[in-house]
Amino acid sequence: MSVLLICDKNPPAVFPDDSVAEAIRQMLRAHTGSVAIIDAERVVAGIFTERDVMKRLALSRRDLEATPIRDVMTTPVEMATEKTTDAEALAVMIERHYRHMPVVDDHGHLLGMLSIRHVLEARIDELLQQLDAQKR
């Protein structure tokens, strides 16, 4: 199954010059643990996650309104494409300890954001369907 079918197709995104505070506000509004960093053409330039908050900001005493997200985003970014299967994405996410992965087209334009929760929920749904089919 393509990850495009199970990802969040309208993920929060900010520009590199936007503040860390704005990125965090976007994450809170969307109830998600990540935000894509995109350029004017919606090409993914980085990702900012809850883990970045903990590793780079929690004890830094930085001014979140004055710090541009480009200074603390994760880059380069491991990305999935429309052709990436849920199994392929899950393998990468587990191996590299990622919880979020942008989904992009062939030109790097943001199409969605995949979370490990999306993959696991899709897999659980498949297993439940298989169990139901066996009961019949």
N, C-alpha and C. Protein backbone atom coordinates (compact mmCIF):
# COMPACT_ATOMS: atom_id res chain seq x y z
N MET A 1 0.84 -1.17 0.00
CA MET A 1 0.00 0.00 0.00
C MET A 1 0.89 1.24 0.00
N SER A 2 0.58 2.20 -0.85
CA SER A 2 1.33 3.45 -0.91
C SER A 2 1.09 4.27 0.35
N VAL A 3 2.16 4.89 0.86
CA VAL A 3 2.02 5.71 2.06
C VAL A 3 1.14 6.92 1.81
N LEU A 4 0.99 7.31 0.57
CA LEU A 4 0.14 8.46 0.25
C LEU A 4 -1.32 8.19 0.64
N LEU A 5 -1.72 6.94 0.67
CA LEU A 5 -3.09 6.58 1.04
C LEU A 5 -3.35 6.72 2.54
N ILE A 6 -2.29 6.67 3.36
CA ILE A 6 -2.51 6.66 4.80
C ILE A 6 -1.92 7.88 5.52
N CYS A 7 -1.18 8.71 4.83
CA CYS A 7 -0.54 9.86 5.48
C CYS A 7 -1.51 11.02 5.67
N ASP A 8 -1.09 11.98 6.47
CA ASP A 8 -1.84 13.23 6.64
C ASP A 8 -1.57 14.07 5.40
N LYS A 9 -2.60 14.33 4.61
CA LYS A 9 -2.42 15.03 3.33
C LYS A 9 -2.43 16.55 3.45
N ASN A 10 -2.65 17.06 4.64
CA ASN A 10 -2.62 18.50 4.85
C ASN A 10 -1.79 18.80 6.10
N PRO A 11 -0.51 18.44 6.06
CA PRO A 11 0.30 18.59 7.27
C PRO A 11 0.71 20.04 7.51
N PRO A 12 1.00 20.38 8.75
CA PRO A 12 1.50 21.72 9.01
C PRO A 12 2.87 21.90 8.36
N ALA A 13 3.11 23.11 7.90
CA ALA A 13 4.39 23.43 7.26
C ALA A 13 4.71 24.89 7.52
N VAL A 14 5.99 25.18 7.64
CA VAL A 14 6.46 26.55 7.83
C VAL A 14 7.64 26.79 6.90
N PHE A 15 8.00 28.05 6.75
CA PHE A 15 9.13 28.43 5.92
C PHE A 15 10.39 28.52 6.77
N PRO A 16 11.57 28.37 6.18
CA PRO A 16 12.82 28.38 6.95
C PRO A 16 13.04 29.62 7.81
N ASP A 17 12.53 30.77 7.37
CA ASP A 17 12.71 31.99 8.16
C ASP A 17 11.66 32.18 9.25
N ASP A 18 10.62 31.32 9.27
CA ASP A 18 9.63 31.40 10.34
C ASP A 18 10.27 31.04 11.67
N SER A 19 9.67 31.51 12.73
CA SER A 19 10.24 31.29 14.06
C SER A 19 9.95 29.87 14.57
N VAL A 20 10.77 29.45 15.49
CA VAL A 20 10.53 28.19 16.18
C VAL A 20 9.16 28.23 16.86
N ALA A 21 8.82 29.36 17.45
CA ALA A 21 7.52 29.49 18.11
C ALA A 21 6.38 29.23 17.13
N GLU A 22 6.49 29.74 15.91
CA GLU A 22 5.44 29.52 14.91
C GLU A 22 5.35 28.04 14.54
N ALA A 23 6.48 27.39 14.41
CA ALA A 23 6.49 25.95 14.10
C ALA A 23 5.79 25.17 15.21
N ILE A 24 6.10 25.50 16.43
CA ILE A 24 5.47 24.81 17.56
C ILE A 24 3.98 25.10 17.60
N ARG A 25 3.57 26.34 17.33
CA ARG A 25 2.13 26.66 17.28
C ARG A 25 1.43 25.82 16.21
N GLN A 26 2.06 25.68 15.05
CA GLN A 26 1.48 24.87 13.96
C GLN A 26 1.31 23.41 14.41
N MET A 27 2.33 22.88 15.08
CA MET A 27 2.26 21.50 15.57
C MET A 27 1.12 21.34 16.58
N LEU A 28 1.01 22.30 17.47
CA LEU A 28 -0.05 22.22 18.50
C LEU A 28 -1.43 22.33 17.88
N ARG A 29 -1.61 23.24 16.90
CA ARG A 29 -2.91 23.38 16.23
C ARG A 29 -3.31 22.10 15.52
N ALA A 30 -2.33 21.45 14.91
CA ALA A 30 -2.61 20.24 14.13
C ALA A 30 -2.59 18.97 14.98
N HIS A 31 -2.26 19.10 16.26
CA HIS A 31 -2.16 17.94 17.15
C HIS A 31 -1.22 16.89 16.57
N THR A 32 -0.04 17.35 16.16
CA THR A 32 0.93 16.45 15.56
C THR A 32 2.32 16.71 16.15
N GLY A 33 3.20 15.77 15.95
CA GLY A 33 4.54 15.87 16.52
C GLY A 33 5.60 16.36 15.57
N SER A 34 5.19 16.89 14.42
CA SER A 34 6.19 17.37 13.46
C SER A 34 5.60 18.45 12.56
N VAL A 35 6.50 19.18 11.96
CA VAL A 35 6.13 20.18 10.96
C VAL A 35 7.17 20.12 9.86
N ALA A 36 6.71 20.20 8.61
CA ALA A 36 7.63 20.23 7.47
C ALA A 36 8.13 21.65 7.29
N ILE A 37 9.38 21.78 6.90
CA ILE A 37 9.95 23.08 6.56
C ILE A 37 10.04 23.10 5.04
N ILE A 38 9.35 24.06 4.42
CA ILE A 38 9.25 24.09 2.96
C ILE A 38 9.71 25.44 2.42
N ASP A 39 10.10 25.43 1.14
CA ASP A 39 10.42 26.69 0.48
C ASP A 39 9.17 27.23 -0.22
N ALA A 40 9.32 28.29 -0.97
CA ALA A 40 8.17 28.94 -1.62
C ALA A 40 7.45 28.02 -2.60
N GLU A 41 8.14 27.03 -3.15
CA GLU A 41 7.52 26.09 -4.10
C GLU A 41 7.00 24.82 -3.41
N ARG A 42 7.01 24.80 -2.08
CA ARG A 42 6.59 23.66 -1.25
C ARG A 42 7.55 22.48 -1.34
N VAL A 43 8.81 22.75 -1.69
CA VAL A 43 9.84 21.71 -1.67
C VAL A 43 10.33 21.58 -0.23
N VAL A 44 10.41 20.36 0.24
CA VAL A 44 10.82 20.11 1.62
C VAL A 44 12.29 20.43 1.81
N ALA A 45 12.56 21.31 2.78
CA ALA A 45 13.93 21.70 3.10
C ALA A 45 14.40 21.10 4.42
N GLY A 46 13.45 20.68 5.25
CA GLY A 46 13.79 20.11 6.55
C GLY A 46 12.55 19.66 7.27
N ILE A 47 12.75 19.17 8.47
CA ILE A 47 11.65 18.74 9.33
C ILE A 47 11.98 19.19 10.75
N PHE A 48 10.96 19.49 11.51
CA PHE A 48 11.13 19.87 12.90
C PHE A 48 10.15 19.02 13.70
N THR A 49 10.65 18.34 14.72
CA THR A 49 9.84 17.39 15.48
C THR A 49 9.92 17.67 16.97
N GLU A 50 9.08 16.96 17.71
CA GLU A 50 9.13 17.04 19.16
C GLU A 50 10.53 16.69 19.67
N ARG A 51 11.17 15.74 19.04
CA ARG A 51 12.52 15.36 19.43
C ARG A 51 13.49 16.53 19.26
N ASP A 52 13.31 17.32 18.19
CA ASP A 52 14.15 18.51 18.00
C ASP A 52 13.95 19.51 19.12
N VAL A 53 12.71 19.65 19.58
CA VAL A 53 12.43 20.55 20.70
C VAL A 53 13.25 20.10 21.92
N MET A 54 13.20 18.81 22.20
CA MET A 54 13.92 18.29 23.38
C MET A 54 15.44 18.40 23.21
N LYS A 55 15.95 18.01 22.07
CA LYS A 55 17.40 17.98 21.87
C LYS A 55 18.03 19.35 21.69
N ARG A 56 17.34 20.23 21.01
CA ARG A 56 17.96 21.49 20.60
C ARG A 56 17.45 22.73 21.32
N LEU A 57 16.31 22.60 22.01
CA LEU A 57 15.71 23.81 22.57
C LEU A 57 15.39 23.77 24.05
N ALA A 58 15.03 22.62 24.58
CA ALA A 58 14.46 22.55 25.92
C ALA A 58 15.31 23.25 26.98
N LEU A 59 16.60 23.08 26.94
CA LEU A 59 17.47 23.68 27.96
C LEU A 59 18.36 24.79 27.39
N SER A 60 18.08 25.23 26.18
CA SER A 60 18.98 26.17 25.50
C SER A 60 18.78 27.63 25.89
N ARG A 61 17.63 27.96 26.44
CA ARG A 61 17.28 29.35 26.78
C ARG A 61 17.20 30.26 25.56
N ARG A 62 17.03 29.66 24.39
CA ARG A 62 16.84 30.46 23.17
C ARG A 62 15.49 31.14 23.20
N ASP A 63 15.40 32.27 22.56
CA ASP A 63 14.14 32.98 22.38
C ASP A 63 13.42 32.33 21.20
N LEU A 64 12.35 31.63 21.48
CA LEU A 64 11.64 30.87 20.44
C LEU A 64 11.01 31.77 19.39
N GLU A 65 10.64 32.97 19.75
CA GLU A 65 10.07 33.91 18.77
C GLU A 65 11.16 34.48 17.86
N ALA A 66 12.39 34.56 18.35
CA ALA A 66 13.47 35.18 17.57
C ALA A 66 14.33 34.16 16.82
N THR A 67 14.23 32.90 17.16
CA THR A 67 15.06 31.87 16.53
C THR A 67 14.38 31.35 15.28
N PRO A 68 15.03 31.50 14.11
CA PRO A 68 14.43 30.94 12.89
C PRO A 68 14.50 29.41 12.92
N ILE A 69 13.48 28.79 12.40
CA ILE A 69 13.40 27.33 12.41
C ILE A 69 14.57 26.70 11.65
N ARG A 70 15.11 27.39 10.65
CA ARG A 70 16.23 26.83 9.88
C ARG A 70 17.44 26.54 10.78
N ASP A 71 17.54 27.25 11.92
CA ASP A 71 18.67 27.05 12.82
C ASP A 71 18.57 25.76 13.64
N VAL A 72 17.38 25.19 13.75
CA VAL A 72 17.20 24.02 14.60
C VAL A 72 16.49 22.85 13.91
N MET A 73 16.15 23.02 12.63
CA MET A 73 15.45 21.93 11.92
C MET A 73 16.43 20.80 11.63
N THR A 74 15.87 19.63 11.39
CA THR A 74 16.67 18.48 10.98
C THR A 74 16.76 18.47 9.46
N THR A 75 17.98 18.38 8.99
CA THR A 75 18.25 18.29 7.56
C THR A 75 19.57 17.57 7.38
N PRO A 76 19.77 16.76 6.38
CA PRO A 76 18.79 16.40 5.34
C PRO A 76 17.67 15.54 5.93
N VAL A 77 16.62 15.43 5.16
CA VAL A 77 15.41 14.73 5.60
C VAL A 77 15.24 13.44 4.81
N GLU A 78 14.96 12.37 5.52
CA GLU A 78 14.59 11.11 4.88
C GLU A 78 13.13 11.26 4.46
N MET A 79 12.85 11.04 3.18
CA MET A 79 11.49 11.26 2.68
C MET A 79 10.96 10.02 1.98
N ALA A 80 9.66 9.88 2.03
CA ALA A 80 8.96 8.85 1.29
C ALA A 80 8.39 9.49 0.02
N THR A 81 8.11 8.67 -0.96
CA THR A 81 7.47 9.15 -2.18
C THR A 81 6.13 8.44 -2.36
N GLU A 82 5.43 8.82 -3.40
CA GLU A 82 4.15 8.18 -3.72
C GLU A 82 4.32 6.67 -3.94
N LYS A 83 5.52 6.28 -4.35
CA LYS A 83 5.78 4.86 -4.65
C LYS A 83 6.24 4.06 -3.43
N THR A 84 6.53 4.74 -2.34
CA THR A 84 6.98 4.06 -1.13
C THR A 84 5.82 3.29 -0.51
N THR A 85 6.06 2.04 -0.18
CA THR A 85 5.01 1.24 0.47
C THR A 85 5.06 1.47 1.97
N ASP A 86 3.97 1.11 2.61
CA ASP A 86 3.94 1.24 4.07
C ASP A 86 5.00 0.37 4.72
N ALA A 87 5.26 -0.82 4.16
CA ALA A 87 6.29 -1.71 4.71
C ALA A 87 7.68 -1.09 4.58
N GLU A 88 7.97 -0.48 3.44
CA GLU A 88 9.26 0.18 3.24
C GLU A 88 9.44 1.34 4.21
N ALA A 89 8.40 2.14 4.35
CA ALA A 89 8.47 3.29 5.25
C ALA A 89 8.65 2.82 6.70
N LEU A 90 7.91 1.81 7.09
CA LEU A 90 8.01 1.29 8.45
C LEU A 90 9.41 0.78 8.73
N ALA A 91 10.01 0.09 7.79
CA ALA A 91 11.37 -0.42 7.97
C ALA A 91 12.36 0.72 8.21
N VAL A 92 12.26 1.76 7.42
CA VAL A 92 13.15 2.92 7.58
C VAL A 92 12.89 3.61 8.92
N MET A 93 11.63 3.80 9.25
CA MET A 93 11.29 4.50 10.48
C MET A 93 11.78 3.73 11.71
N ILE A 94 11.66 2.44 11.70
CA ILE A 94 12.12 1.64 12.84
C ILE A 94 13.65 1.64 12.89
N GLU A 95 14.28 1.41 11.76
CA GLU A 95 15.75 1.34 11.72
C GLU A 95 16.40 2.65 12.16
N ARG A 96 15.82 3.77 11.75
CA ARG A 96 16.45 5.07 12.02
C ARG A 96 15.80 5.84 13.18
N HIS A 97 14.85 5.19 13.84
CA HIS A 97 14.18 5.79 15.01
C HIS A 97 13.43 7.07 14.67
N TYR A 98 12.77 7.08 13.51
CA TYR A 98 11.95 8.22 13.10
C TYR A 98 10.50 7.94 13.46
N ARG A 99 9.79 8.99 13.82
CA ARG A 99 8.35 8.87 14.02
C ARG A 99 7.56 9.56 12.93
N HIS A 100 8.24 10.42 12.15
CA HIS A 100 7.57 11.18 11.08
C HIS A 100 8.44 11.20 9.84
N MET A 101 7.78 11.19 8.69
CA MET A 101 8.48 11.21 7.41
C MET A 101 7.64 11.96 6.39
N PRO A 102 8.19 13.03 5.81
CA PRO A 102 7.45 13.73 4.76
C PRO A 102 7.26 12.82 3.54
N VAL A 103 6.13 12.99 2.89
CA VAL A 103 5.85 12.29 1.63
C VAL A 103 5.90 13.36 0.54
N VAL A 104 6.71 13.11 -0.48
CA VAL A 104 6.94 14.10 -1.52
C VAL A 104 6.73 13.50 -2.90
N ASP A 105 6.55 14.40 -3.88
CA ASP A 105 6.49 13.94 -5.27
C ASP A 105 7.92 13.83 -5.81
N ASP A 106 8.05 13.56 -7.10
CA ASP A 106 9.37 13.35 -7.70
C ASP A 106 10.25 14.59 -7.69
N HIS A 107 9.66 15.75 -7.41
CA HIS A 107 10.42 17.00 -7.38
C HIS A 107 10.64 17.52 -5.96
N GLY A 108 10.25 16.72 -4.96
CA GLY A 108 10.45 17.10 -3.57
C GLY A 108 9.37 17.96 -2.98
N HIS A 109 8.26 18.16 -3.72
CA HIS A 109 7.14 18.95 -3.21
C HIS A 109 6.36 18.15 -2.16
N LEU A 110 6.02 18.79 -1.07
CA LEU A 110 5.31 18.15 0.03
C LEU A 110 3.91 17.71 -0.39
N LEU A 111 3.63 16.43 -0.19
CA LEU A 111 2.30 15.87 -0.46
C LEU A 111 1.59 15.48 0.83
N GLY A 112 2.37 15.17 1.86
CA GLY A 112 1.78 14.75 3.12
C GLY A 112 2.87 14.45 4.14
N MET A 113 2.41 14.09 5.34
CA MET A 113 3.34 13.69 6.39
C MET A 113 2.88 12.34 6.94
N LEU A 114 3.79 11.41 6.93
CA LEU A 114 3.51 10.07 7.43
C LEU A 114 4.02 9.97 8.86
N SER A 115 3.21 9.40 9.72
CA SER A 115 3.70 9.10 11.07
C SER A 115 3.70 7.59 11.24
N ILE A 116 4.51 7.14 12.16
CA ILE A 116 4.55 5.70 12.42
C ILE A 116 3.18 5.22 12.89
N ARG A 117 2.43 6.11 13.52
CA ARG A 117 1.07 5.76 13.95
C ARG A 117 0.18 5.44 12.74
N HIS A 118 0.31 6.23 11.66
CA HIS A 118 -0.47 5.94 10.44
C HIS A 118 -0.19 4.53 9.94
N VAL A 119 1.09 4.17 9.89
CA VAL A 119 1.47 2.85 9.37
C VAL A 119 0.94 1.74 10.29
N LEU A 120 1.13 1.92 11.58
CA LEU A 120 0.69 0.89 12.52
C LEU A 120 -0.83 0.74 12.51
N GLU A 121 -1.56 1.84 12.43
CA GLU A 121 -3.03 1.75 12.37
C GLU A 121 -3.48 1.03 11.10
N ALA A 122 -2.83 1.31 9.98
CA ALA A 122 -3.18 0.63 8.73
C ALA A 122 -2.90 -0.87 8.83
N ARG A 123 -1.78 -1.22 9.44
CA ARG A 123 -1.44 -2.63 9.61
C ARG A 123 -2.42 -3.33 10.55
N ILE A 124 -2.79 -2.68 11.62
CA ILE A 124 -3.76 -3.26 12.55
C ILE A 124 -5.10 -3.47 11.86
N ASP A 125 -5.54 -2.50 11.05
CA ASP A 125 -6.78 -2.65 10.30
C ASP A 125 -6.72 -3.87 9.39
N GLU A 126 -5.58 -4.06 8.70
CA GLU A 126 -5.41 -5.22 7.83
C GLU A 126 -5.51 -6.52 8.63
N LEU A 127 -4.86 -6.56 9.78
CA LEU A 127 -4.90 -7.77 10.61
C LEU A 127 -6.31 -8.05 11.10
N LEU A 128 -7.03 -7.02 11.50
CA LEU A 128 -8.41 -7.22 11.96
C LEU A 128 -9.31 -7.76 10.84
N GLN A 129 -9.11 -7.24 9.64
CA GLN A 129 -9.87 -7.73 8.49
C GLN A 129 -9.56 -9.20 8.22
N GLN A 130 -8.29 -9.57 8.32
CA GLN A 130 -7.91 -10.97 8.13
C GLN A 130 -8.53 -11.88 9.18
N LEU A 131 -8.53 -11.40 10.43
CA LEU A 131 -9.15 -12.18 11.50
C LEU A 131 -10.64 -12.35 11.28
N ASP A 132 -11.30 -11.28 10.86
CA ASP A 132 -12.75 -11.34 10.58
C ASP A 132 -13.03 -12.31 9.45
N ALA A 133 -12.20 -12.31 8.44
CA ALA A 133 -12.39 -13.19 7.28
C ALA A 133 -12.21 -14.66 7.69
N GLN A 134 -11.33 -14.92 8.62
CA GLN A 134 -11.11 -16.30 9.08
C GLN A 134 -12.27 -16.82 9.90
N LYS A 135 -13.00 -15.93 10.55
CA LYS A 135 -14.14 -16.33 11.37
C LYS A 135 -15.32 -16.79 10.53
N ARG A 136 -15.35 -16.35 9.29
CA ARG A 136 -16.50 -16.67 8.42
C ARG A 136 -16.38 -17.99 7.80
